[in-house]
């Protein structure tokens, strides 16, 4: 039986949110998880949770904008295990809501560097080592914003859209080495990064989502683990939305009709 047991995974942004969820889920499947994050305390907490559940984890403080630090961390992990099977890129930030006319060049560059440069740096270094072993699984975190756009979040939407085409291109390059590259597009997921939006919108997000709830990191982690599995070896260059069908943008009319049907059913 194909298994993830004892594979080595590098997770960026593993100290919180979706990154932490991915770390926990992969560790449950027997993966040796390398938790990387600029927030070392958050990464240590993830390691603690993994160990309490009986898994294995190591912590590496790493800023995804620092390409030399990434080279050192990735090389250190590979030299220790002589393998690097999985890369999951979850590190990122969300800018404060701001209209395009008011975005400074500095703010724009910050989003581009963390999300796009960070993804590029990590993929470049890990791909070199995966090619040596002719095996690998790379999962990138895009966003529903990269599919639909997002008002007052134009830099975030732009960079998340770029990650999709980055994944398409890298999948073509690495396919001959049995390395798959896929992307996840989460909808609204309850994390520290989205806490402000979720609180500000109240029940609106849940009501606009056909599944009728806000997503959790565990929802995304399950999809990430599937892409990382040996069984997913013929799936590459794909983008999977994990959004409760929010991308379908249920309209006010749909909601009204649904509520009418519910009321009619209850009256029977």
Protein backbone atom coordinates (compact mmCIF):
# COMPACT_ATOMS: atom_id res chain seq x y z
CA UNK A 1 0.00 0.00 0.00
CA UNK A 2 1.28 3.45 -0.86
CA UNK A 3 1.90 5.56 2.20
CA UNK A 4 3.08 8.95 3.39
CA UNK A 5 4.83 7.45 6.41
CA UNK A 6 8.35 8.80 7.01
CA UNK A 7 8.19 11.20 4.09
CA UNK A 8 9.76 14.60 4.79
CA UNK A 9 7.63 17.71 4.37
CA UNK A 10 8.56 21.39 4.52
CA UNK A 11 5.58 23.58 5.43
CA UNK A 12 5.91 27.36 5.28
CA UNK A 13 3.66 29.43 7.51
CA UNK A 14 3.26 26.35 9.69
CA UNK A 15 2.91 28.35 12.88
CA UNK A 16 -0.75 29.22 12.43
CA UNK A 17 -3.88 28.99 10.32
CA UNK A 18 -3.94 26.82 7.21
CA UNK A 19 -0.21 26.09 7.55
CA UNK A 20 -0.71 24.69 11.04
CA UNK A 21 -3.68 22.66 9.81
CA UNK A 22 -1.55 21.18 7.04
CA UNK A 23 1.22 20.31 9.50
CA UNK A 24 -1.17 18.54 11.86
CA UNK A 25 -2.93 16.59 9.13
CA UNK A 26 0.26 15.42 7.43
CA UNK A 27 1.82 14.46 10.78
CA UNK A 28 -1.21 12.27 11.54
CA UNK A 29 -0.42 10.38 8.34
CA UNK A 30 3.12 9.63 9.47
CA UNK A 31 4.94 12.45 7.68
CA UNK A 32 8.02 13.95 9.33
CA UNK A 33 6.95 17.59 9.38
CA UNK A 34 9.42 20.47 9.18
CA UNK A 35 7.46 23.43 10.57
CA UNK A 36 8.85 26.71 9.20
CA UNK A 37 7.61 30.16 10.10
CA UNK A 38 8.94 33.64 10.77
CA UNK A 39 6.99 33.36 14.05
CA UNK A 40 9.12 30.82 15.90
CA UNK A 41 6.79 30.67 18.90
CA UNK A 42 3.85 29.79 16.67
CA UNK A 43 5.92 27.09 15.00
CA UNK A 44 6.90 25.66 18.38
CA UNK A 45 3.24 25.51 19.38
CA UNK A 46 2.47 23.58 16.19
CA UNK A 47 5.31 21.17 17.01
CA UNK A 48 3.89 20.67 20.50
CA UNK A 49 0.44 19.87 19.11
CA UNK A 50 1.93 17.37 16.66
CA UNK A 51 3.96 15.62 19.35
CA UNK A 52 0.99 15.47 21.70
CA UNK A 53 -0.87 13.64 18.94
CA UNK A 54 2.00 11.18 18.54
CA UNK A 55 3.58 12.71 15.43
CA UNK A 56 7.06 13.99 14.58
CA UNK A 57 8.00 17.60 13.90
CA UNK A 58 10.97 19.95 13.81
CA UNK A 59 10.94 23.76 13.93
CA UNK A 60 12.89 26.09 11.66
CA UNK A 61 12.58 29.85 11.93
CA UNK A 62 12.44 31.09 8.35
CA UNK A 63 11.44 34.26 6.57
CA UNK A 64 10.24 33.37 3.06
CA UNK A 65 11.53 36.69 1.72
CA UNK A 66 15.09 35.76 2.72
CA UNK A 67 16.31 33.50 -0.09
CA UNK A 68 19.61 32.73 1.63
CA UNK A 69 17.82 31.58 4.77
CA UNK A 70 15.60 29.33 2.65
CA UNK A 71 18.64 27.82 0.95
CA UNK A 72 20.23 27.08 4.32
CA UNK A 73 17.10 25.56 5.88
CA UNK A 74 16.22 23.40 2.89
CA UNK A 75 19.82 22.19 2.48
CA UNK A 76 20.03 21.35 6.18
CA UNK A 77 16.86 19.26 6.03
CA UNK A 78 17.94 17.43 2.89
CA UNK A 79 21.42 16.71 4.25
CA UNK A 80 19.86 15.23 7.39
CA UNK A 81 17.36 12.94 5.68
CA UNK A 82 18.73 12.62 2.14
CA UNK A 83 15.20 13.29 0.89
CA UNK A 84 12.66 16.08 0.64
CA UNK A 85 9.31 14.75 -0.49
CA UNK A 86 6.78 17.49 0.12
CA UNK A 87 6.65 21.28 0.00
CA UNK A 88 3.52 23.12 1.09
CA UNK A 89 3.62 26.92 0.75
CA UNK A 90 1.22 28.56 3.21
CA UNK A 91 3.19 31.61 4.40
CA UNK A 92 1.40 34.86 3.73
CA UNK A 93 -0.31 37.97 5.01
CA UNK A 94 -3.48 39.82 4.09
CA UNK A 95 -3.33 43.59 3.60
CA UNK A 96 -5.80 45.93 5.23
CA UNK A 97 -8.71 46.68 2.87
CA UNK A 98 -7.63 49.55 0.63
CA UNK A 99 -8.65 50.80 -2.80
CA UNK A 100 -6.20 50.66 -5.69
CA UNK A 101 -5.78 54.45 -5.87
CA UNK A 102 -4.56 54.51 -2.27
CA UNK A 103 -2.06 51.62 -2.33
CA UNK A 104 1.55 52.68 -1.92
CA UNK A 105 4.32 51.06 -3.92
CA UNK A 106 5.84 49.88 -0.65
CA UNK A 107 2.62 48.13 0.38
CA UNK A 108 2.29 46.55 -3.07
CA UNK A 109 5.87 45.26 -2.99
CA UNK A 110 5.41 43.78 0.49
CA UNK A 111 2.51 41.59 -0.66
CA UNK A 112 4.33 40.55 -3.83
CA UNK A 113 7.52 39.63 -1.98
CA UNK A 114 5.91 37.54 0.75
CA UNK A 115 3.47 35.65 -1.46
CA UNK A 116 5.07 35.44 -4.89
CA UNK A 117 8.80 35.80 -4.23
CA UNK A 118 8.45 33.59 -1.16
CA UNK A 119 6.69 30.88 -3.17
CA UNK A 120 9.30 31.14 -5.92
CA UNK A 121 12.27 30.97 -3.54
CA UNK A 122 10.90 27.91 -1.73
CA UNK A 123 9.92 26.08 -4.91
CA UNK A 124 13.26 26.81 -6.56
CA UNK A 125 15.31 25.36 -3.70
CA UNK A 126 13.07 22.38 -2.97
CA UNK A 127 12.63 21.46 -6.64
CA UNK A 128 16.40 21.17 -7.09
CA UNK A 129 16.53 18.52 -4.37
CA UNK A 130 13.32 16.74 -5.38
CA UNK A 131 14.74 16.33 -8.88
CA UNK A 132 17.71 14.44 -7.41
CA UNK A 133 15.35 11.85 -5.98
CA UNK A 134 12.95 12.06 -8.93
CA UNK A 135 9.94 12.43 -6.68
CA UNK A 136 8.03 15.22 -5.02
CA UNK A 137 4.75 16.86 -4.14
CA UNK A 138 4.39 20.66 -4.18
CA UNK A 139 1.20 22.36 -3.03
CA UNK A 140 0.80 26.13 -3.32
CA UNK A 141 -1.77 28.25 -1.54
CA UNK A 142 -3.65 30.57 -3.84
CA UNK A 143 -7.03 32.02 -2.82
CA UNK A 144 -10.56 32.37 -4.06
CA UNK A 145 -9.57 36.02 -4.52
CA UNK A 146 -7.20 34.85 -7.26
CA UNK A 147 -10.21 33.49 -9.13
CA UNK A 148 -12.93 36.06 -8.52
CA UNK A 149 -10.94 39.17 -7.62
CA UNK A 150 -11.64 40.99 -4.36
CA UNK A 151 -12.71 44.57 -3.77
CA UNK A 152 -10.19 46.64 -1.80
CA UNK A 153 -7.73 43.71 -1.84
CA UNK A 154 -6.34 44.13 -5.35
CA UNK A 155 -2.72 43.35 -4.47
CA UNK A 156 -3.72 40.16 -2.66
CA UNK A 157 -6.00 39.05 -5.49
CA UNK A 158 -3.34 39.81 -8.10
CA UNK A 159 -0.62 37.83 -6.37
CA UNK A 160 -2.90 34.88 -5.67
CA UNK A 161 -3.86 34.80 -9.34
CA UNK A 162 -0.18 34.80 -10.26
CA UNK A 163 0.43 31.77 -8.04
CA UNK A 164 -2.02 29.77 -10.15
CA UNK A 165 -0.13 30.35 -13.40
CA UNK A 166 3.12 29.78 -11.53
CA UNK A 167 1.76 26.35 -10.52
CA UNK A 168 0.70 25.58 -14.09
CA UNK A 169 4.15 26.41 -15.43
CA UNK A 170 6.07 24.57 -12.73
CA UNK A 171 3.90 21.47 -13.18
CA UNK A 172 5.03 21.32 -16.81
CA UNK A 173 8.68 21.68 -15.87
CA UNK A 174 8.73 19.13 -13.07
CA UNK A 175 6.36 16.49 -14.43
CA UNK A 176 9.15 14.44 -16.06
CA UNK A 177 10.73 14.00 -12.61
CA UNK A 178 7.54 12.58 -11.04
CA UNK A 179 7.06 15.84 -9.15
CA UNK A 180 3.51 17.18 -9.04
CA UNK A 181 2.57 20.82 -8.52
CA UNK A 182 -0.95 21.80 -7.54
CA UNK A 183 -2.67 24.78 -5.94
CA UNK A 184 -5.44 25.24 -3.41
CA UNK A 185 -7.88 28.17 -3.54
CA UNK A 186 -9.45 28.49 -0.11
CA UNK A 187 -12.57 30.55 0.37
CA UNK A 188 -13.20 32.25 3.71
CA UNK A 189 -11.35 30.13 6.26
CA UNK A 190 -11.41 30.93 9.96
CA UNK A 191 -7.80 31.89 10.77
CA UNK A 192 -6.05 34.73 12.54
CA UNK A 193 -5.52 36.40 9.17
CA UNK A 194 -9.25 36.49 8.37
CA UNK A 195 -10.56 37.09 11.87
CA UNK A 196 -11.25 40.78 11.29
CA UNK A 197 -13.22 40.15 8.07
CA UNK A 198 -15.22 37.30 9.58
CA UNK A 199 -16.17 39.40 12.59
CA UNK A 200 -17.02 42.48 10.50
CA UNK A 201 -19.29 40.53 8.14
CA UNK A 202 -21.06 38.56 10.83
CA UNK A 203 -23.28 35.86 9.33
CA UNK A 204 -23.03 37.29 5.81
CA UNK A 205 -20.17 35.03 4.73
CA UNK A 206 -21.85 31.89 6.03
CA UNK A 207 -25.19 32.85 4.47
CA UNK A 208 -23.56 33.51 1.09
CA UNK A 209 -21.81 30.12 1.19
CA UNK A 210 -24.02 27.24 0.00
CA UNK A 211 -22.53 24.99 2.72
CA UNK A 212 -23.73 27.68 5.15
CA UNK A 213 -20.62 28.01 7.26
CA UNK A 214 -17.16 29.55 7.28
CA UNK A 215 -14.39 27.10 6.46
CA UNK A 216 -11.87 25.79 8.98
CA UNK A 217 -8.14 25.10 8.50
CA UNK A 218 -8.90 21.38 8.71
CA UNK A 219 -11.06 21.64 5.57
CA UNK A 220 -8.11 22.94 3.56
CA UNK A 221 -5.60 20.60 5.23
CA UNK A 222 -7.51 17.55 4.01
CA UNK A 223 -7.25 18.75 0.41
CA UNK A 224 -3.55 19.53 0.82
CA UNK A 225 -2.86 16.06 2.19
CA UNK A 226 -4.65 14.50 -0.77
CA UNK A 227 -2.44 16.37 -3.24
CA UNK A 228 0.59 15.21 -1.22
CA UNK A 229 -0.43 11.56 -1.27
CA UNK A 230 1.31 8.98 -3.46
CA UNK A 231 -2.11 8.13 -4.92
CA UNK A 232 -2.36 11.63 -6.42
CA UNK A 233 0.65 11.04 -8.65
CA UNK A 234 -1.24 11.61 -11.90
CA UNK A 235 -2.82 14.86 -10.70
CA UNK A 236 -0.70 17.91 -11.46
CA UNK A 237 -1.25 21.44 -12.69
CA UNK A 238 -4.64 21.48 -10.97
CA UNK A 239 -6.34 24.15 -8.88
CA UNK A 240 -8.82 23.00 -6.26
CA UNK A 241 -11.25 25.44 -4.69
CA UNK A 242 -12.01 24.66 -1.05
CA UNK A 243 -14.71 27.24 -0.49
CA UNK A 244 -18.05 25.59 0.23
CA UNK A 245 -19.09 26.72 -3.29
CA UNK A 246 -18.70 30.40 -2.36
CA UNK A 247 -17.26 30.99 -5.84
CA UNK A 248 -20.69 30.26 -7.25
CA UNK A 249 -21.84 33.43 -5.48
CA UNK A 250 -25.29 32.45 -4.29
CA UNK A 251 -27.53 35.41 -5.09
CA UNK A 252 -30.15 37.09 -2.95
CA UNK A 253 -32.78 35.48 -5.18
CA UNK A 254 -31.30 32.02 -4.58
CA UNK A 255 -31.31 32.60 -0.84
CA UNK A 256 -34.91 33.85 -0.88
CA UNK A 257 -36.07 30.84 -2.90
CA UNK A 258 -34.17 28.48 -0.62
CA UNK A 259 -35.76 30.03 2.48
CA UNK A 260 -39.22 29.79 0.87
CA UNK A 261 -38.70 26.08 0.23
CA UNK A 262 -37.46 25.55 3.77
CA UNK A 263 -40.50 27.37 5.18
CA UNK A 264 -42.85 25.34 2.94
CA UNK A 265 -41.23 22.06 4.02
CA UNK A 266 -41.48 23.01 7.69
CA UNK A 267 -45.17 23.86 7.28
CA UNK A 268 -46.02 20.38 6.01
